[in-house]
Amino acid sequence: MGFCFLQILAMDINRENYELGLPVIQKAGVAHKIDFKEGPALPVLDQMIEDVRNTLCSTKNENGRGKNILFCLLV
């Protein structure tokens, strides 16, 4: 089972840290899958959790159940 649709959210308070690894990311051919956010992670993660809660509550499939969403957090 492939997960070609996945996006990666990268967060750091300093963009230079992301740019340091960017050549490797580009060489691997996955730069288009990475969404980098500069700043503290907790406010961004709090907003993501709230967005997922709103999506699960407002989005129902034909069976009346919420869509399945995969949430991974690597620390």
PDB file of N, CA and C in Angstrom:
ATOM      1  N   MET A   1       0.848  -1.181   0.000  1.00  0.00           N
ATOM      2  CA  MET A   1       0.000   0.000   0.000  1.00  0.00           C
ATOM      3  C   MET A   1       0.887   1.237   0.000  1.00  0.00           C
ATOM      4  N   GLY A   2       0.761   2.076  -0.983  1.00  0.00           N
ATOM      5  CA  GLY A   2       1.586   3.274  -1.081  1.00  0.00           C
ATOM      6  C   GLY A   2       0.894   4.493  -0.491  1.00  0.00           C
ATOM      7  N   PHE A   3       1.696   5.424  -0.066  1.00  0.00           N
ATOM      8  CA  PHE A   3       1.178   6.674   0.488  1.00  0.00           C
ATOM      9  C   PHE A   3       1.725   7.845  -0.310  1.00  0.00           C
ATOM     10  N   CYS A   4       1.566   7.800  -1.612  1.00  0.00           N
ATOM     11  CA  CYS A   4       2.123   8.834  -2.470  1.00  0.00           C
ATOM     12  C   CYS A   4       1.434  10.186  -2.289  1.00  0.00           C
ATOM     13  N   PHE A   5       0.282  10.200  -1.647  1.00  0.00           N
ATOM     14  CA  PHE A   5      -0.476  11.437  -1.480  1.00  0.00           C
ATOM     15  C   PHE A   5      -0.064  12.218  -0.240  1.00  0.00           C
ATOM     16  N   LEU A   6       0.808  11.651   0.582  1.00  0.00           N
ATOM     17  CA  LEU A   6       1.155  12.289   1.849  1.00  0.00           C
ATOM     18  C   LEU A   6       2.001  13.533   1.648  1.00  0.00           C
ATOM     19  N   GLN A   7       1.769  14.510   2.492  1.00  0.00           N
ATOM     20  CA  GLN A   7       2.571  15.714   2.571  1.00  0.00           C
ATOM     21  C   GLN A   7       3.279  15.703   3.918  1.00  0.00           C
ATOM     22  N   ILE A   8       4.432  16.298   3.970  1.00  0.00           N
ATOM     23  CA  ILE A   8       5.200  16.392   5.206  1.00  0.00           C
ATOM     24  C   ILE A   8       5.210  17.845   5.643  1.00  0.00           C
ATOM     25  N   LEU A   9       4.888  18.062   6.903  1.00  0.00           N
ATOM     26  CA  LEU A   9       4.966  19.391   7.478  1.00  0.00           C
ATOM     27  C   LEU A   9       6.251  19.469   8.283  1.00  0.00           C
ATOM     28  N   ALA A  10       7.145  20.350   7.875  1.00  0.00           N
ATOM     29  CA  ALA A  10       8.409  20.558   8.580  1.00  0.00           C
ATOM     30  C   ALA A  10       8.327  21.906   9.288  1.00  0.00           C
ATOM     31  N   MET A  11       8.704  21.914  10.567  1.00  0.00           N
ATOM     32  CA  MET A  11       8.629  23.157  11.337  1.00  0.00           C
ATOM     33  C   MET A  11       9.944  23.399  12.071  1.00  0.00           C
ATOM     34  N   ASP A  12      10.355  24.645  12.106  1.00  0.00           N
ATOM     35  CA  ASP A  12      11.534  25.036  12.867  1.00  0.00           C
ATOM     36  C   ASP A  12      11.438  26.534  13.102  1.00  0.00           C
ATOM     37  N   ILE A  13      12.055  26.978  14.177  1.00  0.00           N
ATOM     38  CA  ILE A  13      12.040  28.415  14.458  1.00  0.00           C
ATOM     39  C   ILE A  13      13.086  29.150  13.620  1.00  0.00           C
ATOM     40  N   ASN A  14      13.935  28.394  12.919  1.00  0.00           N
ATOM     41  CA  ASN A  14      14.978  28.996  12.101  1.00  0.00           C
ATOM     42  C   ASN A  14      14.981  28.343  10.722  1.00  0.00           C
ATOM     43  N   ARG A  15      14.653  29.098   9.700  1.00  0.00           N
ATOM     44  CA  ARG A  15      14.583  28.558   8.334  1.00  0.00           C
ATOM     45  C   ARG A  15      15.928  28.027   7.851  1.00  0.00           C
ATOM     46  N   GLU A  16      17.017  28.570   8.370  1.00  0.00           N
ATOM     47  CA  GLU A  16      18.344  28.119   7.960  1.00  0.00           C
ATOM     48  C   GLU A  16      18.539  26.629   8.226  1.00  0.00           C
ATOM     49  N   ASN A  17      17.938  26.105   9.280  1.00  0.00           N
ATOM     50  CA  ASN A  17      18.048  24.677   9.570  1.00  0.00           C
ATOM     51  C   ASN A  17      17.405  23.838   8.474  1.00  0.00           C
ATOM     52  N   TYR A  18      16.267  24.279   7.970  1.00  0.00           N
ATOM     53  CA  TYR A  18      15.591  23.589   6.867  1.00  0.00           C
ATOM     54  C   TYR A  18      16.424  23.693   5.592  1.00  0.00           C
ATOM     55  N   GLU A  19      16.922  24.886   5.315  1.00  0.00           N
ATOM     56  CA  GLU A  19      17.692  25.108   4.094  1.00  0.00           C
ATOM     57  C   GLU A  19      18.991  24.316   4.090  1.00  0.00           C
ATOM     58  N   LEU A  20      19.524  24.001   5.256  1.00  0.00           N
ATOM     59  CA  LEU A  20      20.730  23.185   5.356  1.00  0.00           C
ATOM     60  C   LEU A  20      20.501  21.799   4.756  1.00  0.00           C
ATOM     61  N   GLY A  21      19.345  21.213   5.003  1.00  0.00           N
ATOM     62  CA  GLY A  21      19.031  19.890   4.480  1.00  0.00           C
ATOM     63  C   GLY A  21      18.337  19.902   3.130  1.00  0.00           C
ATOM     64  N   LEU A  22      17.983  21.070   2.632  1.00  0.00           N
ATOM     65  CA  LEU A  22      17.231  21.179   1.383  1.00  0.00           C
ATOM     66  C   LEU A  22      17.915  20.519   0.187  1.00  0.00           C
ATOM     67  N   PRO A  23      19.229  20.630  -0.002  1.00  0.00           N
ATOM     68  CA  PRO A  23      19.850  19.943  -1.140  1.00  0.00           C
ATOM     69  C   PRO A  23      19.632  18.427  -1.120  1.00  0.00           C
ATOM     70  N   VAL A  24      19.661  17.829   0.041  1.00  0.00           N
ATOM     71  CA  VAL A  24      19.430  16.391   0.158  1.00  0.00           C
ATOM     72  C   VAL A  24      17.975  16.071  -0.163  1.00  0.00           C
ATOM     73  N   ILE A  25      17.069  16.897   0.325  1.00  0.00           N
ATOM     74  CA  ILE A  25      15.635  16.727   0.059  1.00  0.00           C
ATOM     75  C   ILE A  25      15.366  16.822  -1.436  1.00  0.00           C
ATOM     76  N   GLN A  26      15.983  17.801  -2.082  1.00  0.00           N
ATOM     77  CA  GLN A  26      15.799  17.979  -3.523  1.00  0.00           C
ATOM     78  C   GLN A  26      16.395  16.813  -4.304  1.00  0.00           C
ATOM     79  N   LYS A  27      17.572  16.345  -3.887  1.00  0.00           N
ATOM     80  CA  LYS A  27      18.212  15.216  -4.565  1.00  0.00           C
ATOM     81  C   LYS A  27      17.351  13.960  -4.459  1.00  0.00           C
ATOM     82  N   ALA A  28      16.657  13.807  -3.325  1.00  0.00           N
ATOM     83  CA  ALA A  28      15.771  12.655  -3.134  1.00  0.00           C
ATOM     84  C   ALA A  28      14.475  12.795  -3.939  1.00  0.00           C
ATOM     85  N   GLY A  29      14.221  13.983  -4.458  1.00  0.00           N
ATOM     86  CA  GLY A  29      13.032  14.194  -5.282  1.00  0.00           C
ATOM     87  C   GLY A  29      11.741  14.336  -4.494  1.00  0.00           C
ATOM     88  N   VAL A  30      11.830  14.774  -3.238  1.00  0.00           N
ATOM     89  CA  VAL A  30      10.629  14.891  -2.419  1.00  0.00           C
ATOM     90  C   VAL A  30      10.345  16.326  -1.950  1.00  0.00           C
ATOM     91  N   ALA A  31      11.049  17.288  -2.513  1.00  0.00           N
ATOM     92  CA  ALA A  31      10.863  18.679  -2.084  1.00  0.00           C
ATOM     93  C   ALA A  31       9.423  19.150  -2.271  1.00  0.00           C
ATOM     94  N   HIS A  32       8.740  18.649  -3.293  1.00  0.00           N
ATOM     95  CA  HIS A  32       7.353  19.058  -3.559  1.00  0.00           C
ATOM     96  C   HIS A  32       6.381  18.524  -2.505  1.00  0.00           C
ATOM     97  N   LYS A  33       6.817  17.572  -1.698  1.00  0.00           N
ATOM     98  CA  LYS A  33       5.952  16.983  -0.678  1.00  0.00           C
ATOM     99  C   LYS A  33       6.114  17.647   0.687  1.00  0.00           C
ATOM    100  N   ILE A  34       7.025  18.610   0.800  1.00  0.00           N
ATOM    101  CA  ILE A  34       7.324  19.209   2.096  1.00  0.00           C
ATOM    102  C   ILE A  34       6.757  20.619   2.175  1.00  0.00           C
ATOM    103  N   ASP A  35       6.009  20.858   3.229  1.00  0.00           N
ATOM    104  CA  ASP A  35       5.450  22.179   3.527  1.00  0.00           C
ATOM    105  C   ASP A  35       6.187  22.687   4.753  1.00  0.00           C
ATOM    106  N   PHE A  36       7.071  23.670   4.578  1.00  0.00           N
ATOM    107  CA  PHE A  36       7.858  24.188   5.690  1.00  0.00           C
ATOM    108  C   PHE A  36       7.171  25.387   6.320  1.00  0.00           C
ATOM    109  N   LYS A  37       7.100  25.360   7.639  1.00  0.00           N
ATOM    110  CA  LYS A  37       6.552  26.488   8.404  1.00  0.00           C
ATOM    111  C   LYS A  37       7.632  26.975   9.357  1.00  0.00           C
ATOM    112  N   GLU A  38       7.924  28.260   9.306  1.00  0.00           N
ATOM    113  CA  GLU A  38       8.909  28.837  10.206  1.00  0.00           C
ATOM    114  C   GLU A  38       8.195  29.419  11.415  1.00  0.00           C
ATOM    115  N   GLY A  39       8.695  29.071  12.594  1.00  0.00           N
ATOM    116  CA  GLY A  39       8.122  29.588  13.821  1.00  0.00           C
ATOM    117  C   GLY A  39       7.961  28.487  14.845  1.00  0.00           C
ATOM    118  N   PRO A  40       7.390  28.827  15.987  1.00  0.00           N
ATOM    119  CA  PRO A  40       7.190  27.836  17.042  1.00  0.00           C
ATOM    120  C   PRO A  40       6.151  26.792  16.617  1.00  0.00           C
ATOM    121  N   ALA A  41       6.412  25.550  16.962  1.00  0.00           N
ATOM    122  CA  ALA A  41       5.573  24.443  16.497  1.00  0.00           C
ATOM    123  C   ALA A  41       4.231  24.350  17.206  1.00  0.00           C
ATOM    124  N   LEU A  42       4.175  24.641  18.482  1.00  0.00           N
ATOM    125  CA  LEU A  42       2.935  24.409  19.238  1.00  0.00           C
ATOM    126  C   LEU A  42       1.723  25.161  18.695  1.00  0.00           C
ATOM    127  N   PRO A  43       1.820  26.439  18.364  1.00  0.00           N
ATOM    128  CA  PRO A  43       0.640  27.106  17.800  1.00  0.00           C
ATOM    129  C   PRO A  43       0.192  26.485  16.470  1.00  0.00           C
ATOM    130  N   VAL A  44       1.149  26.085  15.636  1.00  0.00           N
ATOM    131  CA  VAL A  44       0.801  25.462  14.353  1.00  0.00           C
ATOM    132  C   VAL A  44       0.127  24.120  14.594  1.00  0.00           C
ATOM    133  N   LEU A  45       0.672  23.313  15.511  1.00  0.00           N
ATOM    134  CA  LEU A  45       0.078  22.008  15.811  1.00  0.00           C
ATOM    135  C   LEU A  45      -1.305  22.160  16.433  1.00  0.00           C
ATOM    136  N   ASP A  46      -1.470  23.124  17.323  1.00  0.00           N
ATOM    137  CA  ASP A  46      -2.793  23.380  17.905  1.00  0.00           C
ATOM    138  C   ASP A  46      -3.815  23.700  16.825  1.00  0.00           C
ATOM    139  N   GLN A  47      -3.420  24.529  15.849  1.00  0.00           N
ATOM    140  CA  GLN A  47      -4.328  24.890  14.761  1.00  0.00           C
ATOM    141  C   GLN A  47      -4.632  23.682  13.886  1.00  0.00           C
ATOM    142  N   MET A  48      -3.618  22.838  13.635  1.00  0.00           N
ATOM    143  CA  MET A  48      -3.847  21.639  12.826  1.00  0.00           C
ATOM    144  C   MET A  48      -4.839  20.698  13.508  1.00  0.00           C
ATOM    145  N   ILE A  49      -4.702  20.514  14.805  1.00  0.00           N
ATOM    146  CA  ILE A  49      -5.617  19.651  15.546  1.00  0.00           C
ATOM    147  C   ILE A  49      -7.034  20.202  15.474  1.00  0.00           C
ATOM    148  N   GLU A  50      -7.165  21.497  15.633  1.00  0.00           N
ATOM    149  CA  GLU A  50      -8.491  22.127  15.548  1.00  0.00           C
ATOM    150  C   GLU A  50      -9.083  21.951  14.149  1.00  0.00           C
ATOM    151  N   ASP A  51      -8.259  22.112  13.117  1.00  0.00           N
ATOM    152  CA  ASP A  51      -8.727  21.929  11.740  1.00  0.00           C
ATOM    153  C   ASP A  51      -9.191  20.500  11.501  1.00  0.00           C
ATOM    154  N   VAL A  52      -8.451  19.520  12.026  1.00  0.00           N
ATOM    155  CA  VAL A  52      -8.832  18.118  11.859  1.00  0.00           C
ATOM    156  C   VAL A  52     -10.142  17.849  12.590  1.00  0.00           C
ATOM    157  N   ARG A  53     -10.287  18.369  13.797  1.00  0.00           N
ATOM    158  CA  ARG A  53     -11.545  18.196  14.533  1.00  0.00           C
ATOM    159  C   ARG A  53     -12.720  18.768  13.750  1.00  0.00           C
ATOM    160  N   ASN A  54     -12.536  19.952  13.194  1.00  0.00           N
ATOM    161  CA  ASN A  54     -13.607  20.577  12.410  1.00  0.00           C
ATOM    162  C   ASN A  54     -13.914  19.764  11.159  1.00  0.00           C
ATOM    163  N   THR A  55     -12.883  19.224  10.514  1.00  0.00           N
ATOM    164  CA  THR A  55     -13.072  18.412   9.313  1.00  0.00           C
ATOM    165  C   THR A  55     -13.814  17.128   9.655  1.00  0.00           C
ATOM    166  N   LEU A  56     -13.404  16.466  10.739  1.00  0.00           N
ATOM    167  CA  LEU A  56     -14.052  15.216  11.124  1.00  0.00           C
ATOM    168  C   LEU A  56     -15.511  15.437  11.498  1.00  0.00           C
ATOM    169  N   CYS A  57     -15.801  16.566  12.104  1.00  0.00           N
ATOM    170  CA  CYS A  57     -17.179  16.840  12.521  1.00  0.00           C
ATOM    171  C   CYS A  57     -18.054  17.280  11.346  1.00  0.00           C
ATOM    172  N   SER A  58     -17.458  17.916  10.345  1.00  0.00           N
ATOM    173  CA  SER A  58     -18.269  18.472   9.265  1.00  0.00           C
ATOM    174  C   SER A  58     -18.243  17.638   7.984  1.00  0.00           C
ATOM    175  N   THR A  59     -17.339  16.673   7.886  1.00  0.00           N
ATOM    176  CA  THR A  59     -17.214  15.892   6.658  1.00  0.00           C
ATOM    177  C   THR A  59     -17.645  14.466   6.913  1.00  0.00           C
ATOM    178  N   LYS A  60     -18.719  14.069   6.283  1.00  0.00           N
ATOM    179  CA  LYS A  60     -19.246  12.708   6.432  1.00  0.00           C
ATOM    180  C   LYS A  60     -19.233  12.020   5.078  1.00  0.00           C
ATOM    181  N   ASN A  61     -18.946  10.722   5.085  1.00  0.00           N
ATOM    182  CA  ASN A  61     -19.039   9.967   3.839  1.00  0.00           C
ATOM    183  C   ASN A  61     -20.456   9.432   3.686  1.00  0.00           C
ATOM    184  N   GLU A  62     -20.681   8.581   2.689  1.00  0.00           N
ATOM    185  CA  GLU A  62     -22.043   8.100   2.413  1.00  0.00           C
ATOM    186  C   GLU A  62     -22.620   7.253   3.547  1.00  0.00           C
ATOM    187  N   ASN A  63     -21.779   6.718   4.426  1.00  0.00           N
ATOM    188  CA  ASN A  63     -22.253   5.931   5.564  1.00  0.00           C
ATOM    189  C   ASN A  63     -22.525   6.785   6.804  1.00  0.00           C
ATOM    190  N   GLY A  64     -22.307   8.092   6.679  1.00  0.00           N
ATOM    191  CA  GLY A  64     -22.533   8.976   7.816  1.00  0.00           C
ATOM    192  C   GLY A  64     -21.374   9.016   8.792  1.00  0.00           C
ATOM    193  N   ARG A  65     -20.259   8.441   8.400  1.00  0.00           N
ATOM    194  CA  ARG A  65     -19.078   8.443   9.266  1.00  0.00           C
ATOM    195  C   ARG A  65     -18.096   9.493   8.783  1.00  0.00           C
ATOM    196  N   GLY A  66     -17.251   9.954   9.693  1.00  0.00           N
ATOM    197  CA  GLY A  66     -16.219  10.916   9.318  1.00  0.00           C
ATOM    198  C   GLY A  66     -15.140  10.261   8.476  1.00  0.00           C
ATOM    199  N   LYS A  67     -14.461  11.057   7.685  1.00  0.00           N
ATOM    200  CA  LYS A  67     -13.360  10.547   6.872  1.00  0.00           C
ATOM    201  C   LYS A  67     -12.200  10.142   7.787  1.00  0.00           C
ATOM    202  N   ASN A  68     -11.428   9.162   7.330  1.00  0.00           N
ATOM    203  CA  ASN A  68     -10.245   8.746   8.064  1.00  0.00           C
ATOM    204  C   ASN A  68      -9.082   9.685   7.718  1.00  0.00           C
ATOM    205  N   ILE A  69      -8.416  10.187   8.727  1.00  0.00           N
ATOM    206  CA  ILE A  69      -7.281  11.073   8.534  1.00  0.00           C
ATOM    207  C   ILE A  69      -6.113  10.514   9.318  1.00  0.00           C
ATOM    208  N   LEU A  70      -4.971  10.394   8.660  1.00  0.00           N
ATOM    209  CA  LEU A  70      -3.761   9.891   9.293  1.00  0.00           C
ATOM    210  C   LEU A  70      -2.969  11.086   9.801  1.00  0.00           C
ATOM    211  N   PHE A  71      -2.647  11.070  11.076  1.00  0.00           N
ATOM    212  CA  PHE A  71      -1.899  12.147  11.695  1.00  0.00           C
ATOM    213  C   PHE A  71      -0.634  11.562  12.297  1.00  0.00           C
ATOM    214  N   CYS A  72       0.510  11.964  11.820  1.00  0.00           N
ATOM    215  CA  CYS A  72       1.791  11.494  12.354  1.00  0.00           C
ATOM    216  C   CYS A  72       2.566  12.674  12.894  1.00  0.00           C
ATOM    217  N   LEU A  73       3.153  12.504  14.045  1.00  0.00           N
ATOM    218  CA  LEU A  73       3.984  13.544  14.630  1.00  0.00           C
ATOM    219  C   LEU A  73       5.305  12.915  14.998  1.00  0.00           C
ATOM    220  N   LEU A  74       6.364  13.371  14.356  1.00  0.00           N
ATOM    221  CA  LEU A  74       7.702  12.882  14.663  1.00  0.00           C
ATOM    222  C   LEU A  74       8.422  13.968  15.436  1.00  0.00           C
ATOM    223  N   VAL A  75       8.953  13.610  16.558  1.00  0.00           N
ATOM    224  CA  VAL A  75       9.646  14.588  17.399  1.00  0.00           C
ATOM    225  C   VAL A  75      11.100  14.219  17.494  1.00  0.00           C
TER     226      VAL A  75
END
